[in-house]
N, C-alpha and C. Protein backbone atom coordinates (compact mmCIF):
# COMPACT_ATOMS: atom_id res chain seq x y z
N MET A 1 0.82 -1.21 -0.06
CA MET A 1 -0.05 -0.13 0.05
C MET A 1 0.88 1.29 0.00
N SER A 2 0.48 2.19 -0.58
CA SER A 2 1.18 3.64 -0.72
C SER A 2 0.24 4.61 -0.32
N VAL A 3 0.66 5.69 -0.10
CA VAL A 3 0.12 6.99 0.41
C VAL A 3 -0.27 7.67 -0.93
N GLN A 4 -1.37 7.98 -1.45
CA GLN A 4 -1.92 8.76 -2.70
C GLN A 4 -2.18 10.21 -1.99
N ILE A 5 -1.57 11.14 -2.67
CA ILE A 5 -1.75 12.39 -2.15
C ILE A 5 -2.48 13.46 -3.06
N ARG A 6 -3.61 13.93 -2.57
CA ARG A 6 -4.29 14.92 -3.62
C ARG A 6 -4.40 16.33 -2.92
N ASN A 7 -4.14 17.35 -3.70
CA ASN A 7 -4.27 18.73 -3.22
C ASN A 7 -5.91 19.07 -3.28
N VAL A 8 -6.44 19.32 -2.34
CA VAL A 8 -7.86 19.47 -2.40
C VAL A 8 -8.33 21.06 -2.10
N ALA A 9 -7.42 21.81 -1.70
CA ALA A 9 -7.65 23.13 -1.39
C ALA A 9 -6.20 23.81 -1.31
N GLN A 10 -6.03 24.95 -1.00
CA GLN A 10 -4.91 25.79 -0.79
C GLN A 10 -4.28 25.03 0.38
N ASP A 11 -3.04 24.44 0.24
CA ASP A 11 -2.06 24.01 1.30
C ASP A 11 -2.93 22.82 2.06
N THR A 12 -3.93 22.28 1.51
CA THR A 12 -4.71 21.21 2.09
C THR A 12 -4.57 20.01 1.19
N TYR A 13 -4.15 18.74 1.81
CA TYR A 13 -4.01 17.73 1.10
C TYR A 13 -4.71 16.50 1.78
N LEU A 14 -5.57 15.76 0.92
CA LEU A 14 -6.11 14.45 1.17
C LEU A 14 -5.08 13.42 1.17
N LEU A 15 -4.93 12.74 1.90
CA LEU A 15 -3.97 11.66 2.10
C LEU A 15 -4.69 10.20 2.13
N ASP A 16 -4.56 9.38 1.05
CA ASP A 16 -5.43 8.23 1.06
C ASP A 16 -4.29 7.14 1.35
N CYS A 17 -4.45 6.26 2.29
CA CYS A 17 -3.79 5.34 2.67
C CYS A 17 -4.16 3.82 2.41
N GLY A 18 -5.46 3.89 1.60
CA GLY A 18 -5.87 2.64 0.93
C GLY A 18 -7.11 2.16 1.77
N ARG A 19 -7.51 0.70 1.88
CA ARG A 19 -8.74 0.47 2.35
C ARG A 19 -8.50 -0.08 3.77
N ASP A 20 -9.37 0.11 4.55
CA ASP A 20 -9.16 -0.32 5.97
C ASP A 20 -9.58 -1.78 6.01
N PRO A 21 -8.85 -2.73 6.58
CA PRO A 21 -9.06 -4.12 6.51
C PRO A 21 -10.45 -4.62 7.37
N PHE A 22 -10.84 -3.89 8.42
CA PHE A 22 -12.00 -4.26 9.09
C PHE A 22 -13.07 -3.74 8.59
N PHE A 23 -13.27 -2.38 8.32
CA PHE A 23 -14.29 -1.55 8.06
C PHE A 23 -14.54 -1.53 6.39
N SER A 24 -13.57 -1.91 5.74
CA SER A 24 -13.75 -1.72 4.24
C SER A 24 -14.12 -0.61 3.65
N THR A 25 -13.65 0.48 4.44
CA THR A 25 -13.57 2.01 4.10
C THR A 25 -12.30 2.59 3.63
N SER A 26 -12.19 3.64 3.05
CA SER A 26 -10.94 4.28 2.73
C SER A 26 -10.33 4.75 4.08
N ASN A 27 -8.99 4.68 4.20
CA ASN A 27 -8.12 5.40 5.34
C ASN A 27 -7.80 6.72 4.74
N ILE A 28 -8.48 7.69 5.06
CA ILE A 28 -8.31 8.99 4.64
C ILE A 28 -7.77 9.95 5.89
N ALA A 29 -6.78 10.66 5.67
CA ALA A 29 -6.34 11.75 6.62
C ALA A 29 -6.13 12.99 5.84
N TYR A 30 -5.93 14.08 6.33
CA TYR A 30 -5.76 15.50 5.81
C TYR A 30 -4.63 16.19 6.36
N PHE A 31 -3.84 16.66 5.62
CA PHE A 31 -2.64 17.37 6.05
C PHE A 31 -2.91 18.80 5.69
N LEU A 32 -3.01 19.82 6.68
CA LEU A 32 -2.95 21.11 6.51
C LEU A 32 -1.68 21.77 6.63
N ASP A 33 -1.14 22.31 5.53
CA ASP A 33 0.39 22.80 5.53
C ASP A 33 0.24 24.35 5.94
N ASP A 34 0.72 24.66 7.04
CA ASP A 34 0.93 26.08 7.45
C ASP A 34 2.14 26.21 8.30
N GLU A 35 2.08 27.24 9.01
CA GLU A 35 3.22 27.61 9.94
C GLU A 35 3.20 26.53 10.87
N MET A 36 2.10 26.11 11.44
CA MET A 36 2.01 25.02 12.35
C MET A 36 1.13 24.06 11.72
N PRO A 37 1.71 23.20 11.06
CA PRO A 37 0.95 22.06 10.00
C PRO A 37 0.36 21.21 11.18
N ALA A 38 -0.95 20.76 10.61
CA ALA A 38 -1.80 19.82 11.24
C ALA A 38 -2.31 18.61 10.37
N LEU A 39 -2.30 17.41 11.07
CA LEU A 39 -2.60 16.19 10.54
C LEU A 39 -4.02 15.87 11.24
N ILE A 40 -5.16 15.72 10.23
CA ILE A 40 -6.48 15.46 10.64
C ILE A 40 -6.87 13.85 10.55
N ASP A 41 -7.19 13.37 11.60
CA ASP A 41 -7.48 11.98 11.45
C ASP A 41 -6.38 10.78 11.06
N PRO A 42 -5.36 10.64 11.81
CA PRO A 42 -4.16 9.81 11.25
C PRO A 42 -4.60 8.34 11.04
N GLY A 43 -5.88 8.03 11.34
CA GLY A 43 -6.19 6.67 11.02
C GLY A 43 -5.82 5.61 12.12
N SER A 44 -5.78 4.27 11.64
CA SER A 44 -5.28 3.30 12.56
C SER A 44 -3.69 3.25 12.64
N GLY A 45 -3.28 2.35 13.38
CA GLY A 45 -1.70 2.35 13.39
C GLY A 45 -1.17 1.91 12.26
N THR A 46 -1.70 1.08 11.42
CA THR A 46 -1.32 0.56 10.09
C THR A 46 -1.29 1.84 9.19
N ALA A 47 -2.49 2.62 9.13
CA ALA A 47 -2.47 3.73 8.33
C ALA A 47 -1.55 4.90 8.79
N ALA A 48 -1.25 5.07 10.04
CA ALA A 48 -0.32 6.02 10.32
C ALA A 48 1.30 5.55 9.97
N ALA A 49 1.29 4.36 10.06
CA ALA A 49 2.74 3.76 9.55
C ALA A 49 2.89 4.02 8.11
N GLU A 50 1.99 3.98 7.20
CA GLU A 50 2.03 4.17 6.10
C GLU A 50 2.09 5.69 5.83
N LEU A 51 1.45 6.71 6.56
CA LEU A 51 1.65 8.19 6.36
C LEU A 51 3.30 8.34 6.88
N PHE A 52 3.57 7.76 7.93
CA PHE A 52 4.81 7.97 8.52
C PHE A 52 6.13 7.79 7.36
N ASN A 53 6.01 6.56 6.75
CA ASN A 53 6.86 5.97 5.81
C ASN A 53 6.65 6.48 4.41
N GLY A 54 5.36 6.94 3.96
CA GLY A 54 5.41 7.35 2.64
C GLY A 54 5.34 8.74 2.45
N MET A 55 5.27 9.63 3.39
CA MET A 55 4.95 11.04 3.01
C MET A 55 6.41 11.72 2.54
N GLY A 56 7.73 11.29 3.21
CA GLY A 56 8.67 11.99 2.98
C GLY A 56 9.01 12.13 1.39
N PRO A 57 9.10 10.93 0.76
CA PRO A 57 9.48 10.98 -0.71
C PRO A 57 8.27 11.97 -1.44
N LEU A 58 7.18 12.29 -0.96
CA LEU A 58 6.19 13.05 -1.60
C LEU A 58 6.38 14.31 -1.50
N GLY A 59 7.22 14.86 -0.51
CA GLY A 59 7.64 16.23 -0.26
C GLY A 59 6.90 16.78 1.24
N ILE A 60 6.21 15.86 1.75
CA ILE A 60 5.69 16.47 3.01
C ILE A 60 6.37 15.78 4.28
N ASP A 61 6.83 16.58 5.16
CA ASP A 61 7.83 16.36 5.97
C ASP A 61 6.84 16.36 7.43
N LEU A 62 6.71 15.10 7.84
CA LEU A 62 5.93 14.97 9.15
C LEU A 62 6.62 15.51 10.47
N GLN A 63 7.96 15.60 10.18
CA GLN A 63 8.72 16.01 11.35
C GLN A 63 8.37 17.58 11.81
N ARG A 64 7.74 18.37 10.90
CA ARG A 64 7.39 19.68 11.13
C ARG A 64 5.82 19.80 11.74
N LEU A 65 5.15 18.66 11.91
CA LEU A 65 3.82 18.74 12.26
C LEU A 65 3.79 19.34 13.87
N SER A 66 2.93 20.10 13.89
CA SER A 66 2.50 20.89 15.44
C SER A 66 1.38 20.05 15.93
N TYR A 67 0.44 19.64 15.16
CA TYR A 67 -0.86 19.01 15.74
C TYR A 67 -1.03 17.81 15.00
N ILE A 68 -1.65 16.63 15.81
CA ILE A 68 -2.42 15.52 15.34
C ILE A 68 -3.78 15.77 15.94
N ILE A 69 -4.64 15.75 15.08
CA ILE A 69 -6.10 15.76 15.56
C ILE A 69 -7.02 14.78 15.06
N PRO A 70 -7.25 13.79 15.87
CA PRO A 70 -8.25 12.69 15.45
C PRO A 70 -9.62 13.43 15.80
N THR A 71 -10.54 13.23 14.78
CA THR A 71 -11.83 13.75 15.29
C THR A 71 -12.62 13.05 16.32
N HIS A 72 -12.18 11.82 16.51
CA HIS A 72 -12.72 10.95 17.60
C HIS A 72 -11.78 9.73 17.78
N ILE A 73 -11.85 9.01 18.69
CA ILE A 73 -11.03 7.96 19.20
C ILE A 73 -11.26 6.65 18.61
N HIS A 74 -12.02 6.49 17.78
CA HIS A 74 -12.31 5.19 17.03
C HIS A 74 -10.85 4.78 16.44
N LEU A 75 -10.63 3.40 16.38
CA LEU A 75 -9.40 3.14 15.93
C LEU A 75 -9.18 3.42 14.42
N ASP A 76 -10.00 3.77 13.67
CA ASP A 76 -9.89 3.93 12.20
C ASP A 76 -9.73 5.43 12.02
N HIS A 77 -9.74 6.25 13.20
CA HIS A 77 -9.65 7.60 13.04
C HIS A 77 -8.51 8.07 13.90
N GLY A 78 -8.42 7.75 15.22
CA GLY A 78 -7.41 7.94 15.94
C GLY A 78 -6.43 6.91 16.69
N GLY A 79 -6.62 5.82 16.06
CA GLY A 79 -5.79 4.70 16.75
C GLY A 79 -4.15 4.67 16.42
N GLY A 80 -3.89 5.58 15.39
CA GLY A 80 -2.54 5.67 15.09
C GLY A 80 -1.78 7.03 15.78
N ALA A 81 -2.62 7.79 16.37
CA ALA A 81 -1.98 9.05 17.03
C ALA A 81 -0.79 8.59 17.84
N GLY A 82 -0.94 7.52 18.70
CA GLY A 82 0.32 7.16 19.50
C GLY A 82 1.49 6.81 18.76
N TYR A 83 1.24 5.94 17.56
CA TYR A 83 2.13 5.42 16.86
C TYR A 83 3.11 6.81 16.27
N LEU A 84 2.41 7.73 15.90
CA LEU A 84 3.01 8.96 15.18
C LEU A 84 3.95 9.69 16.42
N VAL A 85 3.12 9.96 17.58
CA VAL A 85 3.91 10.62 18.61
C VAL A 85 5.28 9.89 19.12
N GLN A 86 5.20 8.71 18.98
CA GLN A 86 6.43 7.97 19.45
C GLN A 86 7.60 8.34 18.48
N ARG A 87 7.20 8.55 17.17
CA ARG A 87 8.25 8.85 16.20
C ARG A 87 8.53 10.41 15.59
N LEU A 88 7.70 11.30 16.24
CA LEU A 88 7.75 12.49 15.97
C LEU A 88 7.82 13.51 17.31
N SER A 89 8.87 14.44 17.24
CA SER A 89 9.18 14.90 18.46
C SER A 89 8.28 16.12 18.88
N ARG A 90 7.61 16.96 17.85
CA ARG A 90 6.88 18.03 18.24
C ARG A 90 5.24 17.95 18.27
N PRO A 91 4.79 17.07 17.65
CA PRO A 91 3.16 17.42 17.76
C PRO A 91 2.40 17.08 19.00
N LYS A 92 1.52 18.01 19.32
CA LYS A 92 0.67 17.74 20.33
C LYS A 92 -0.66 17.14 19.79
N VAL A 93 -1.33 16.16 20.59
CA VAL A 93 -2.49 15.57 19.88
C VAL A 93 -3.76 16.29 20.51
N VAL A 94 -4.44 16.95 19.74
CA VAL A 94 -5.62 17.49 20.26
C VAL A 94 -6.78 16.41 20.22
N LEU A 95 -7.47 16.34 21.63
CA LEU A 95 -8.35 15.43 21.67
C LEU A 95 -9.62 16.17 22.36
N HIS A 96 -10.79 15.30 22.39
CA HIS A 96 -11.97 15.85 23.25
C HIS A 96 -11.74 15.36 24.54
N PRO A 97 -12.18 15.99 25.43
CA PRO A 97 -12.10 15.57 27.04
C PRO A 97 -12.36 14.30 27.33
N LYS A 98 -13.48 13.88 26.77
CA LYS A 98 -13.70 12.18 27.20
C LYS A 98 -12.83 11.30 26.32
N GLY A 99 -12.07 11.72 25.12
CA GLY A 99 -11.37 10.80 24.52
C GLY A 99 -9.94 10.63 25.10
N ALA A 100 -9.52 11.83 25.63
CA ALA A 100 -8.14 11.95 26.07
C ALA A 100 -7.83 10.90 26.98
N ALA A 101 -8.62 10.53 28.03
CA ALA A 101 -8.30 9.45 28.97
C ALA A 101 -8.08 8.08 28.29
N HIS A 102 -8.71 7.69 27.11
CA HIS A 102 -8.60 6.66 26.36
C HIS A 102 -7.38 6.47 25.38
N LEU A 103 -6.92 7.64 25.11
CA LEU A 103 -5.64 7.64 24.40
C LEU A 103 -4.17 7.86 25.17
N THR A 104 -4.45 8.29 26.26
CA THR A 104 -3.39 8.49 27.43
C THR A 104 -3.04 7.07 27.97
N ASP A 105 -4.17 6.28 28.27
CA ASP A 105 -4.12 4.84 28.79
C ASP A 105 -4.92 4.08 27.74
N THR A 106 -4.37 3.35 26.80
CA THR A 106 -5.11 2.68 25.52
C THR A 106 -5.81 1.32 26.15
N SER A 107 -5.51 0.89 27.24
CA SER A 107 -5.82 -0.26 27.89
C SER A 107 -7.34 -0.72 27.73
N VAL A 108 -8.11 0.24 28.19
CA VAL A 108 -9.42 -0.01 27.80
C VAL A 108 -10.00 -0.03 26.49
N LEU A 109 -9.55 0.78 25.68
CA LEU A 109 -9.62 0.92 24.19
C LEU A 109 -9.27 -0.37 23.51
N VAL A 110 -8.19 -0.76 23.82
CA VAL A 110 -7.60 -2.14 23.20
C VAL A 110 -8.55 -3.53 23.87
N ARG A 111 -8.70 -3.49 25.15
CA ARG A 111 -9.54 -4.64 25.39
C ARG A 111 -10.91 -4.63 24.84
N GLY A 112 -11.46 -3.35 24.60
CA GLY A 112 -12.71 -3.35 23.78
C GLY A 112 -12.62 -3.85 22.24
N ALA A 113 -11.52 -3.51 21.82
CA ALA A 113 -11.01 -3.77 20.27
C ALA A 113 -10.89 -5.26 20.24
N ARG A 114 -10.31 -5.85 21.32
CA ARG A 114 -10.08 -7.21 21.11
C ARG A 114 -11.13 -8.18 21.29
N LEU A 115 -12.30 -7.57 22.04
CA LEU A 115 -13.76 -8.13 22.20
C LEU A 115 -14.48 -8.25 20.77
N ILE A 116 -14.24 -6.96 19.91
CA ILE A 116 -14.97 -6.66 18.64
C ILE A 116 -14.32 -7.35 17.68
N PHE A 117 -12.87 -7.33 17.55
CA PHE A 117 -12.21 -7.69 16.34
C PHE A 117 -11.43 -8.89 16.53
N GLY A 118 -11.26 -9.49 17.74
CA GLY A 118 -10.42 -10.69 17.99
C GLY A 118 -9.16 -10.25 18.62
N GLN A 119 -8.35 -11.24 19.34
CA GLN A 119 -7.34 -10.96 20.10
C GLN A 119 -6.08 -10.32 19.32
N ASP A 120 -6.06 -10.76 17.65
CA ASP A 120 -5.04 -10.46 17.09
C ASP A 120 -5.23 -9.01 16.00
N PHE A 121 -6.21 -8.27 16.56
CA PHE A 121 -6.78 -7.12 15.79
C PHE A 121 -5.49 -6.07 15.26
N GLU A 122 -4.48 -6.15 16.12
CA GLU A 122 -3.40 -5.19 15.93
C GLU A 122 -2.74 -5.83 14.85
N HIS A 123 -2.70 -6.92 14.41
CA HIS A 123 -1.91 -7.60 13.11
C HIS A 123 -2.44 -6.73 11.83
N SER A 124 -3.71 -6.40 11.81
CA SER A 124 -4.26 -5.64 10.55
C SER A 124 -4.39 -4.17 10.90
N LEU A 125 -4.87 -3.75 12.16
CA LEU A 125 -5.09 -2.27 12.40
C LEU A 125 -3.65 -1.71 12.84
N GLY A 126 -2.88 -2.34 13.17
CA GLY A 126 -1.56 -2.00 13.77
C GLY A 126 -1.82 -1.54 15.22
N PRO A 127 -0.62 -1.09 15.80
CA PRO A 127 -0.57 -0.83 17.29
C PRO A 127 -1.37 0.20 17.66
N VAL A 128 -1.99 0.17 18.97
CA VAL A 128 -2.67 1.19 19.63
C VAL A 128 -1.67 1.64 20.86
N VAL A 129 -1.15 2.69 20.68
CA VAL A 129 0.02 3.15 21.61
C VAL A 129 -0.60 4.45 22.31
N SER A 130 -0.36 4.19 23.70
CA SER A 130 -0.62 5.35 24.48
C SER A 130 0.09 6.53 24.33
N ILE A 131 -0.28 7.71 24.55
CA ILE A 131 0.19 8.94 24.40
C ILE A 131 0.51 9.42 25.77
N PRO A 132 1.71 10.02 25.76
CA PRO A 132 2.03 10.73 27.15
C PRO A 132 1.37 11.90 27.33
N LYS A 133 0.79 11.93 28.57
CA LYS A 133 -0.12 13.25 28.87
C LYS A 133 0.46 14.59 28.51
N GLU A 134 1.73 14.69 28.57
CA GLU A 134 2.24 16.13 28.24
C GLU A 134 2.19 16.27 26.74
N ARG A 135 1.65 15.23 25.95
CA ARG A 135 1.84 15.51 24.47
C ARG A 135 0.24 15.73 24.14
N VAL A 136 -0.63 15.63 24.98
CA VAL A 136 -1.96 15.89 24.74
C VAL A 136 -2.44 17.32 25.19
N HIS A 137 -3.30 17.78 23.98
CA HIS A 137 -4.02 19.14 24.48
C HIS A 137 -5.60 18.60 24.39
N VAL A 138 -5.98 18.79 25.63
CA VAL A 138 -7.41 18.56 25.83
C VAL A 138 -8.20 19.92 25.32
N ALA A 139 -9.07 19.71 24.15
CA ALA A 139 -9.63 20.95 23.52
C ALA A 139 -10.86 21.12 24.43
N SER A 140 -11.18 22.49 24.11
CA SER A 140 -12.57 23.10 24.75
C SER A 140 -13.48 23.37 23.63
N ASP A 141 -14.83 23.15 23.76
CA ASP A 141 -15.77 23.37 22.72
C ASP A 141 -15.70 24.89 22.28
N GLY A 142 -15.44 25.20 21.17
CA GLY A 142 -15.43 26.65 20.74
C GLY A 142 -13.97 27.15 20.57
N GLU A 143 -13.02 26.49 21.12
CA GLU A 143 -11.68 26.77 20.98
C GLU A 143 -11.18 27.02 19.69
N VAL A 144 -10.18 27.90 19.54
CA VAL A 144 -9.84 28.14 18.26
C VAL A 144 -8.02 27.78 18.31
N ILE A 145 -7.90 26.89 17.26
CA ILE A 145 -6.30 26.56 17.12
C ILE A 145 -5.88 27.36 15.92
N ARG A 146 -4.91 28.22 16.28
CA ARG A 146 -4.28 28.93 15.21
C ARG A 146 -2.98 28.22 14.49
N LEU A 147 -3.02 27.98 13.17
CA LEU A 147 -2.16 27.10 12.43
C LEU A 147 -1.25 28.20 11.89
N GLY A 148 -1.66 29.48 11.67
CA GLY A 148 -0.83 30.35 10.87
C GLY A 148 -1.76 31.30 10.13
N ARG A 149 -1.85 31.02 8.72
CA ARG A 149 -2.95 31.64 7.95
C ARG A 149 -4.31 31.37 8.15
N ARG A 150 -4.53 30.09 8.73
CA ARG A 150 -5.73 29.64 9.12
C ARG A 150 -6.02 29.33 10.39
N GLU A 151 -7.36 29.40 10.83
CA GLU A 151 -7.60 28.67 12.10
C GLU A 151 -8.51 27.64 12.15
N LEU A 152 -8.62 26.97 13.16
CA LEU A 152 -9.59 25.64 13.35
C LEU A 152 -10.33 26.12 14.45
N LYS A 153 -11.68 26.10 14.40
CA LYS A 153 -12.51 26.12 15.57
C LYS A 153 -12.81 24.84 15.88
N VAL A 154 -12.96 24.34 17.04
CA VAL A 154 -13.16 23.01 17.64
C VAL A 154 -14.76 23.10 18.15
N VAL A 155 -15.46 22.25 17.52
CA VAL A 155 -16.91 22.21 17.78
C VAL A 155 -17.46 20.86 18.31
N PHE A 156 -17.59 20.57 19.55
CA PHE A 156 -18.15 19.18 19.72
C PHE A 156 -19.55 18.84 19.14
N SER A 157 -19.35 17.75 18.66
CA SER A 157 -20.65 17.14 18.03
C SER A 157 -21.22 15.89 18.70
N PRO A 158 -22.48 15.96 19.06
CA PRO A 158 -22.93 14.72 19.66
C PRO A 158 -22.91 13.60 18.82
N GLY A 159 -22.88 12.35 19.44
CA GLY A 159 -22.91 10.89 18.79
C GLY A 159 -21.92 10.14 19.78
N HIS A 160 -20.59 10.10 19.14
CA HIS A 160 -19.66 9.42 19.82
C HIS A 160 -18.39 10.22 20.16
N GLU A 161 -18.75 11.43 20.95
CA GLU A 161 -18.02 12.44 21.37
C GLU A 161 -16.78 12.85 20.21
N CYS A 162 -17.39 13.25 19.26
CA CYS A 162 -16.57 13.89 18.02
C CYS A 162 -16.09 15.38 18.24
N THR A 163 -15.30 15.55 17.45
CA THR A 163 -14.69 16.99 17.48
C THR A 163 -14.96 17.35 16.14
N THR A 164 -15.60 18.33 15.59
CA THR A 164 -15.54 18.69 14.40
C THR A 164 -14.98 19.96 14.28
N LEU A 165 -14.10 20.18 13.07
CA LEU A 165 -13.11 21.38 12.99
C LEU A 165 -13.63 22.31 11.94
N LEU A 166 -13.88 23.66 12.16
CA LEU A 166 -14.25 24.53 11.13
C LEU A 166 -13.13 25.40 10.89
N CYS A 167 -12.77 25.35 9.55
CA CYS A 167 -11.66 26.08 9.17
C CYS A 167 -11.82 27.49 8.57
N SER A 168 -10.95 28.57 8.84
CA SER A 168 -11.17 29.67 8.30
C SER A 168 -9.80 30.27 7.93
N THR A 169 -9.59 31.00 7.02
CA THR A 169 -8.29 31.61 6.73
C THR A 169 -8.25 33.03 7.49
N ALA A 170 -7.25 33.18 8.31
CA ALA A 170 -7.07 34.47 8.84
C ALA A 170 -6.51 35.61 8.22
């Protein structure tokens, strides 16, 4: 599998890591290239590994990342955040208050995933790695994250503790 990159707006890239083995949906992330770059929805551990290994040759330096922002903590959206944090020194992971506890200590999340997907789910979805608390930014509803030329407004969405991001250009 290789990462396919498509420019979808100014300094905004859709990153397609192929099909998810459990959900049979596309593994899609977004890279917002700005003074403080952000990666939205890093996907599963497998997708995050694809992003980490496949972006350099395509001209996107993940070492510049300031933020990793999963819209929610389901494994196909945020499961790879810890994998990336282990390999990148800069980014903070922006999380919903209810999701932060699950990604700073992934034991409950992993236990639930094993009940649903089986004991060896990490073989297909990749590792689910805890994120050190000092690398987490717990977002507030309505908070604005300034990337440089653009701002992201955090809007909590009902359902499964989702964070919706509204983007504007400063």
